[in-house]
N, C-alpha and C. Protein backbone atom coordinates (compact mmCIF):
# COMPACT_ATOMS: atom_id res chain seq x y z
N MET A 1 1.31 0.23 26.21
CA MET A 1 2.36 -0.25 25.33
C MET A 1 2.59 0.78 24.24
N ASN A 2 3.81 0.97 23.88
CA ASN A 2 4.20 1.89 22.83
C ASN A 2 3.99 1.23 21.47
N ASP A 3 3.30 1.92 20.54
CA ASP A 3 3.04 1.37 19.21
C ASP A 3 4.33 0.99 18.48
N ASN A 4 5.40 1.71 18.75
CA ASN A 4 6.64 1.45 18.04
C ASN A 4 7.23 0.09 18.39
N GLU A 5 6.83 -0.50 19.52
CA GLU A 5 7.34 -1.81 19.89
C GLU A 5 6.94 -2.87 18.89
N ASN A 6 5.76 -2.75 18.29
CA ASN A 6 5.29 -3.74 17.33
C ASN A 6 6.09 -3.71 16.05
N TYR A 7 6.78 -2.62 15.78
CA TYR A 7 7.46 -2.44 14.51
C TYR A 7 8.96 -2.26 14.72
N GLU A 8 9.45 -2.84 15.80
CA GLU A 8 10.86 -2.71 16.13
C GLU A 8 11.71 -3.20 14.97
N GLY A 9 12.64 -2.39 14.55
CA GLY A 9 13.51 -2.76 13.46
C GLY A 9 12.98 -2.36 12.10
N GLU A 10 11.73 -1.91 12.03
CA GLU A 10 11.15 -1.49 10.75
C GLU A 10 11.29 0.01 10.60
N ASP A 11 11.35 0.46 9.36
CA ASP A 11 11.48 1.87 9.07
C ASP A 11 10.09 2.50 9.12
N LEU A 12 9.81 3.27 10.17
CA LEU A 12 8.48 3.84 10.36
C LEU A 12 8.19 4.99 9.41
N ASP A 13 9.19 5.45 8.65
CA ASP A 13 8.95 6.51 7.68
C ASP A 13 8.05 6.01 6.55
N ASN A 14 8.00 4.71 6.35
CA ASN A 14 7.19 4.12 5.28
C ASN A 14 5.82 3.69 5.78
N LEU A 15 5.44 4.08 6.98
CA LEU A 15 4.18 3.68 7.56
C LEU A 15 3.05 4.59 7.06
N VAL A 16 1.99 3.97 6.56
CA VAL A 16 0.81 4.69 6.09
C VAL A 16 -0.38 4.17 6.89
N ILE A 17 -1.17 5.07 7.45
CA ILE A 17 -2.35 4.67 8.21
C ILE A 17 -3.58 5.16 7.46
N LEU A 18 -4.45 4.23 7.10
CA LEU A 18 -5.68 4.55 6.38
C LEU A 18 -6.87 4.07 7.20
N ASN A 19 -8.04 4.60 6.89
CA ASN A 19 -9.27 4.14 7.52
C ASN A 19 -10.01 3.23 6.57
N ASP A 20 -10.47 2.08 7.08
CA ASP A 20 -11.24 1.18 6.23
C ASP A 20 -12.69 1.66 6.16
N GLU A 21 -13.54 0.89 5.47
CA GLU A 21 -14.94 1.30 5.28
C GLU A 21 -15.72 1.38 6.59
N ASP A 22 -15.21 0.74 7.65
CA ASP A 22 -15.86 0.80 8.95
C ASP A 22 -15.28 1.89 9.85
N GLY A 23 -14.31 2.65 9.32
CA GLY A 23 -13.69 3.72 10.10
C GLY A 23 -12.54 3.26 10.98
N ASN A 24 -12.14 2.00 10.86
CA ASN A 24 -11.03 1.47 11.64
C ASN A 24 -9.70 1.82 10.98
N GLU A 25 -8.71 2.14 11.82
CA GLU A 25 -7.39 2.44 11.29
C GLU A 25 -6.69 1.14 10.88
N VAL A 26 -6.09 1.17 9.69
CA VAL A 26 -5.34 0.04 9.18
C VAL A 26 -3.96 0.54 8.81
N LYS A 27 -2.92 -0.16 9.27
CA LYS A 27 -1.55 0.25 9.02
C LYS A 27 -0.98 -0.52 7.84
N PHE A 28 -0.24 0.21 7.01
CA PHE A 28 0.39 -0.36 5.82
C PHE A 28 1.83 0.11 5.75
N GLU A 29 2.64 -0.70 5.11
CA GLU A 29 3.99 -0.27 4.74
C GLU A 29 3.93 0.17 3.29
N PHE A 30 4.37 1.40 3.02
CA PHE A 30 4.42 1.92 1.65
C PHE A 30 5.57 1.23 0.93
N LEU A 31 5.25 0.58 -0.21
CA LEU A 31 6.29 -0.11 -0.96
C LEU A 31 6.73 0.64 -2.20
N ASP A 32 5.76 1.24 -2.94
CA ASP A 32 6.14 1.91 -4.18
C ASP A 32 5.00 2.78 -4.69
N LEU A 33 5.39 3.71 -5.56
CA LEU A 33 4.45 4.55 -6.30
C LEU A 33 4.66 4.23 -7.77
N ILE A 34 3.60 3.80 -8.45
CA ILE A 34 3.69 3.37 -9.85
C ILE A 34 2.91 4.35 -10.73
N ASP A 35 3.54 4.81 -11.81
CA ASP A 35 2.85 5.63 -12.81
C ASP A 35 2.38 4.73 -13.94
N LEU A 36 1.10 4.85 -14.30
CA LEU A 36 0.54 4.06 -15.39
C LEU A 36 -0.54 4.88 -16.07
N ASP A 37 -0.39 5.11 -17.37
CA ASP A 37 -1.40 5.83 -18.16
C ASP A 37 -1.78 7.18 -17.52
N ASP A 38 -0.77 7.96 -17.15
CA ASP A 38 -0.96 9.29 -16.54
C ASP A 38 -1.72 9.25 -15.22
N GLU A 39 -1.73 8.11 -14.56
CA GLU A 39 -2.33 7.97 -13.23
C GLU A 39 -1.24 7.43 -12.31
N GLU A 40 -1.42 7.69 -10.99
CA GLU A 40 -0.48 7.16 -10.01
C GLU A 40 -1.19 6.16 -9.12
N TYR A 41 -0.46 5.10 -8.78
CA TYR A 41 -0.98 4.05 -7.92
C TYR A 41 0.03 3.76 -6.83
N VAL A 42 -0.46 3.53 -5.61
CA VAL A 42 0.43 3.15 -4.51
C VAL A 42 0.32 1.65 -4.30
N VAL A 43 1.44 1.06 -3.96
CA VAL A 43 1.48 -0.36 -3.60
C VAL A 43 1.79 -0.41 -2.11
N LEU A 44 0.86 -0.98 -1.34
CA LEU A 44 0.97 -1.02 0.11
C LEU A 44 0.93 -2.45 0.60
N LEU A 45 1.65 -2.72 1.68
CA LEU A 45 1.65 -4.02 2.32
C LEU A 45 1.01 -3.88 3.69
N PRO A 46 -0.12 -4.57 3.94
CA PRO A 46 -0.76 -4.48 5.26
C PRO A 46 0.18 -4.97 6.36
N ILE A 47 0.16 -4.27 7.48
CA ILE A 47 0.94 -4.66 8.65
C ILE A 47 -0.04 -5.27 9.64
N ALA A 48 0.17 -6.53 9.98
CA ALA A 48 -0.74 -7.22 10.91
C ALA A 48 -0.56 -6.65 12.31
N GLU A 49 -1.68 -6.38 12.96
CA GLU A 49 -1.64 -5.95 14.35
C GLU A 49 -1.31 -7.16 15.22
N GLU A 50 -0.86 -6.89 16.43
CA GLU A 50 -0.55 -7.98 17.34
C GLU A 50 -1.80 -8.83 17.57
N GLY A 51 -1.67 -10.12 17.44
CA GLY A 51 -2.81 -11.02 17.63
C GLY A 51 -3.57 -11.32 16.35
N GLU A 52 -3.29 -10.58 15.27
CA GLU A 52 -3.95 -10.83 13.99
C GLU A 52 -3.07 -11.74 13.16
N GLU A 53 -3.73 -12.50 12.30
CA GLU A 53 -2.99 -13.36 11.39
C GLU A 53 -2.56 -12.54 10.19
N ASP A 54 -1.32 -12.69 9.79
CA ASP A 54 -0.77 -11.94 8.66
C ASP A 54 -1.03 -12.72 7.38
N GLU A 55 -1.74 -12.08 6.42
CA GLU A 55 -1.92 -12.71 5.12
C GLU A 55 -0.60 -12.56 4.39
N GLU A 56 0.04 -13.66 4.15
CA GLU A 56 1.42 -13.68 3.67
C GLU A 56 1.63 -12.86 2.40
N GLY A 57 2.14 -11.63 2.57
CA GLY A 57 2.64 -10.85 1.47
C GLY A 57 1.63 -10.32 0.47
N GLU A 58 0.35 -10.30 0.79
CA GLU A 58 -0.62 -9.77 -0.16
C GLU A 58 -0.59 -8.25 -0.12
N VAL A 59 -0.33 -7.64 -1.28
CA VAL A 59 -0.26 -6.18 -1.34
C VAL A 59 -1.61 -5.61 -1.70
N VAL A 60 -1.76 -4.32 -1.40
CA VAL A 60 -2.95 -3.57 -1.77
C VAL A 60 -2.52 -2.49 -2.75
N ILE A 61 -3.25 -2.37 -3.85
CA ILE A 61 -2.96 -1.35 -4.86
C ILE A 61 -4.12 -0.37 -4.88
N LEU A 62 -3.82 0.90 -4.66
CA LEU A 62 -4.84 1.95 -4.64
C LEU A 62 -4.45 3.07 -5.59
N LYS A 63 -5.45 3.69 -6.18
CA LYS A 63 -5.21 4.82 -7.08
C LYS A 63 -5.09 6.10 -6.25
N VAL A 64 -4.14 6.96 -6.62
CA VAL A 64 -3.94 8.23 -5.94
C VAL A 64 -4.80 9.29 -6.61
N GLU A 65 -5.59 10.00 -5.80
CA GLU A 65 -6.40 11.09 -6.32
C GLU A 65 -6.16 12.33 -5.47
N ASP A 66 -6.02 13.47 -6.14
CA ASP A 66 -5.91 14.73 -5.41
C ASP A 66 -7.29 15.11 -4.91
N THR A 67 -7.38 15.48 -3.63
CA THR A 67 -8.67 15.85 -3.08
C THR A 67 -9.04 17.29 -3.40
N ASP A 68 -8.02 18.14 -3.54
CA ASP A 68 -8.27 19.56 -3.76
C ASP A 68 -7.02 20.15 -4.41
N GLU A 69 -7.20 20.88 -5.50
CA GLU A 69 -6.05 21.44 -6.20
C GLU A 69 -5.24 22.39 -5.32
N ASP A 70 -5.90 23.09 -4.38
CA ASP A 70 -5.20 24.04 -3.51
C ASP A 70 -4.53 23.35 -2.33
N SER A 71 -4.85 22.10 -2.13
CA SER A 71 -4.34 21.37 -0.97
C SER A 71 -3.27 20.38 -1.40
N GLU A 72 -2.41 20.04 -0.47
CA GLU A 72 -1.37 19.03 -0.71
C GLU A 72 -1.90 17.63 -0.44
N GLU A 73 -3.14 17.53 0.05
CA GLU A 73 -3.69 16.24 0.45
C GLU A 73 -4.01 15.36 -0.75
N GLU A 74 -3.83 14.07 -0.53
CA GLU A 74 -4.18 13.08 -1.53
C GLU A 74 -5.14 12.10 -0.87
N SER A 75 -5.92 11.44 -1.70
CA SER A 75 -6.72 10.34 -1.18
C SER A 75 -6.44 9.12 -2.03
N TYR A 76 -6.67 7.96 -1.46
CA TYR A 76 -6.45 6.70 -2.15
C TYR A 76 -7.80 6.03 -2.35
N VAL A 77 -8.06 5.59 -3.57
CA VAL A 77 -9.32 4.92 -3.86
C VAL A 77 -9.04 3.54 -4.43
N SER A 78 -9.96 2.62 -4.18
CA SER A 78 -9.78 1.26 -4.67
C SER A 78 -9.89 1.23 -6.19
N VAL A 79 -9.24 0.24 -6.77
CA VAL A 79 -9.21 0.06 -8.21
C VAL A 79 -10.08 -1.15 -8.54
N GLU A 80 -11.12 -0.92 -9.34
CA GLU A 80 -12.04 -1.99 -9.69
C GLU A 80 -11.61 -2.74 -10.94
N ASP A 81 -10.83 -2.10 -11.80
CA ASP A 81 -10.43 -2.68 -13.09
C ASP A 81 -9.32 -3.71 -12.89
N GLU A 82 -9.63 -4.98 -13.09
CA GLU A 82 -8.66 -6.06 -12.89
C GLU A 82 -7.45 -5.91 -13.81
N ASP A 83 -7.67 -5.43 -15.04
CA ASP A 83 -6.55 -5.25 -15.97
C ASP A 83 -5.57 -4.21 -15.46
N VAL A 84 -6.08 -3.12 -14.91
CA VAL A 84 -5.21 -2.08 -14.35
C VAL A 84 -4.42 -2.65 -13.17
N LEU A 85 -5.10 -3.39 -12.29
CA LEU A 85 -4.43 -3.99 -11.14
C LEU A 85 -3.30 -4.92 -11.59
N LYS A 86 -3.57 -5.74 -12.58
CA LYS A 86 -2.55 -6.66 -13.08
C LYS A 86 -1.37 -5.91 -13.68
N ARG A 87 -1.65 -4.85 -14.44
CA ARG A 87 -0.58 -4.08 -15.07
C ARG A 87 0.29 -3.39 -14.03
N VAL A 88 -0.34 -2.79 -13.02
CA VAL A 88 0.42 -2.12 -11.95
C VAL A 88 1.26 -3.15 -11.20
N PHE A 89 0.67 -4.30 -10.90
CA PHE A 89 1.41 -5.32 -10.16
C PHE A 89 2.57 -5.87 -10.99
N GLU A 90 2.39 -6.01 -12.29
CA GLU A 90 3.48 -6.48 -13.16
C GLU A 90 4.65 -5.49 -13.16
N ILE A 91 4.33 -4.20 -13.20
CA ILE A 91 5.38 -3.17 -13.13
C ILE A 91 6.11 -3.27 -11.79
N PHE A 92 5.34 -3.40 -10.71
CA PHE A 92 5.91 -3.53 -9.37
C PHE A 92 6.82 -4.77 -9.29
N LYS A 93 6.35 -5.90 -9.80
CA LYS A 93 7.15 -7.14 -9.75
C LYS A 93 8.45 -6.98 -10.53
N GLU A 94 8.38 -6.32 -11.68
CA GLU A 94 9.59 -6.13 -12.48
C GLU A 94 10.60 -5.24 -11.75
N LYS A 95 10.12 -4.17 -11.11
CA LYS A 95 11.01 -3.26 -10.40
C LYS A 95 11.67 -3.92 -9.20
N PHE A 96 10.95 -4.83 -8.55
CA PHE A 96 11.43 -5.40 -7.29
C PHE A 96 11.72 -6.90 -7.37
N LYS A 97 11.98 -7.40 -8.58
CA LYS A 97 12.20 -8.83 -8.76
C LYS A 97 13.39 -9.34 -7.97
N ASP A 98 14.36 -8.48 -7.69
CA ASP A 98 15.53 -8.89 -6.93
C ASP A 98 15.35 -8.72 -5.42
N ASP A 99 14.28 -8.03 -5.00
CA ASP A 99 14.06 -7.75 -3.59
C ASP A 99 13.04 -8.67 -2.92
N PHE A 100 12.10 -9.18 -3.71
CA PHE A 100 11.01 -10.01 -3.17
C PHE A 100 10.93 -11.33 -3.92
N ASP A 101 10.43 -12.35 -3.25
CA ASP A 101 10.14 -13.63 -3.91
C ASP A 101 8.65 -13.64 -4.20
N PHE A 102 8.29 -13.44 -5.46
CA PHE A 102 6.89 -13.39 -5.86
C PHE A 102 6.37 -14.79 -6.17
N VAL A 103 5.15 -15.05 -5.71
CA VAL A 103 4.50 -16.33 -5.96
C VAL A 103 3.31 -16.08 -6.85
N ASP A 104 3.24 -16.75 -8.00
CA ASP A 104 2.10 -16.57 -8.90
C ASP A 104 0.94 -17.45 -8.50
């Protein structure tokens, strides 16, 4: 089966594939890049694989870190600070209040 069949009608340019702590590939839709306190954060929406249950609209927020100054590569690291997560999510909600129905 072609992987693109699962995402028919979706814009695959926004597809981000990351590895979880077990080394498994996890697919996300890139939603936004948020600047906060001279740091950058990505807001990602997990894409459920066929046969998996989709957690309704829960986004993942990760901090962007440069891996090497000479390289164009970036890495994403989890954010432990709940205040930072809330602030980034509030910025995201404000930017996209007309595009998404947010549930508190």
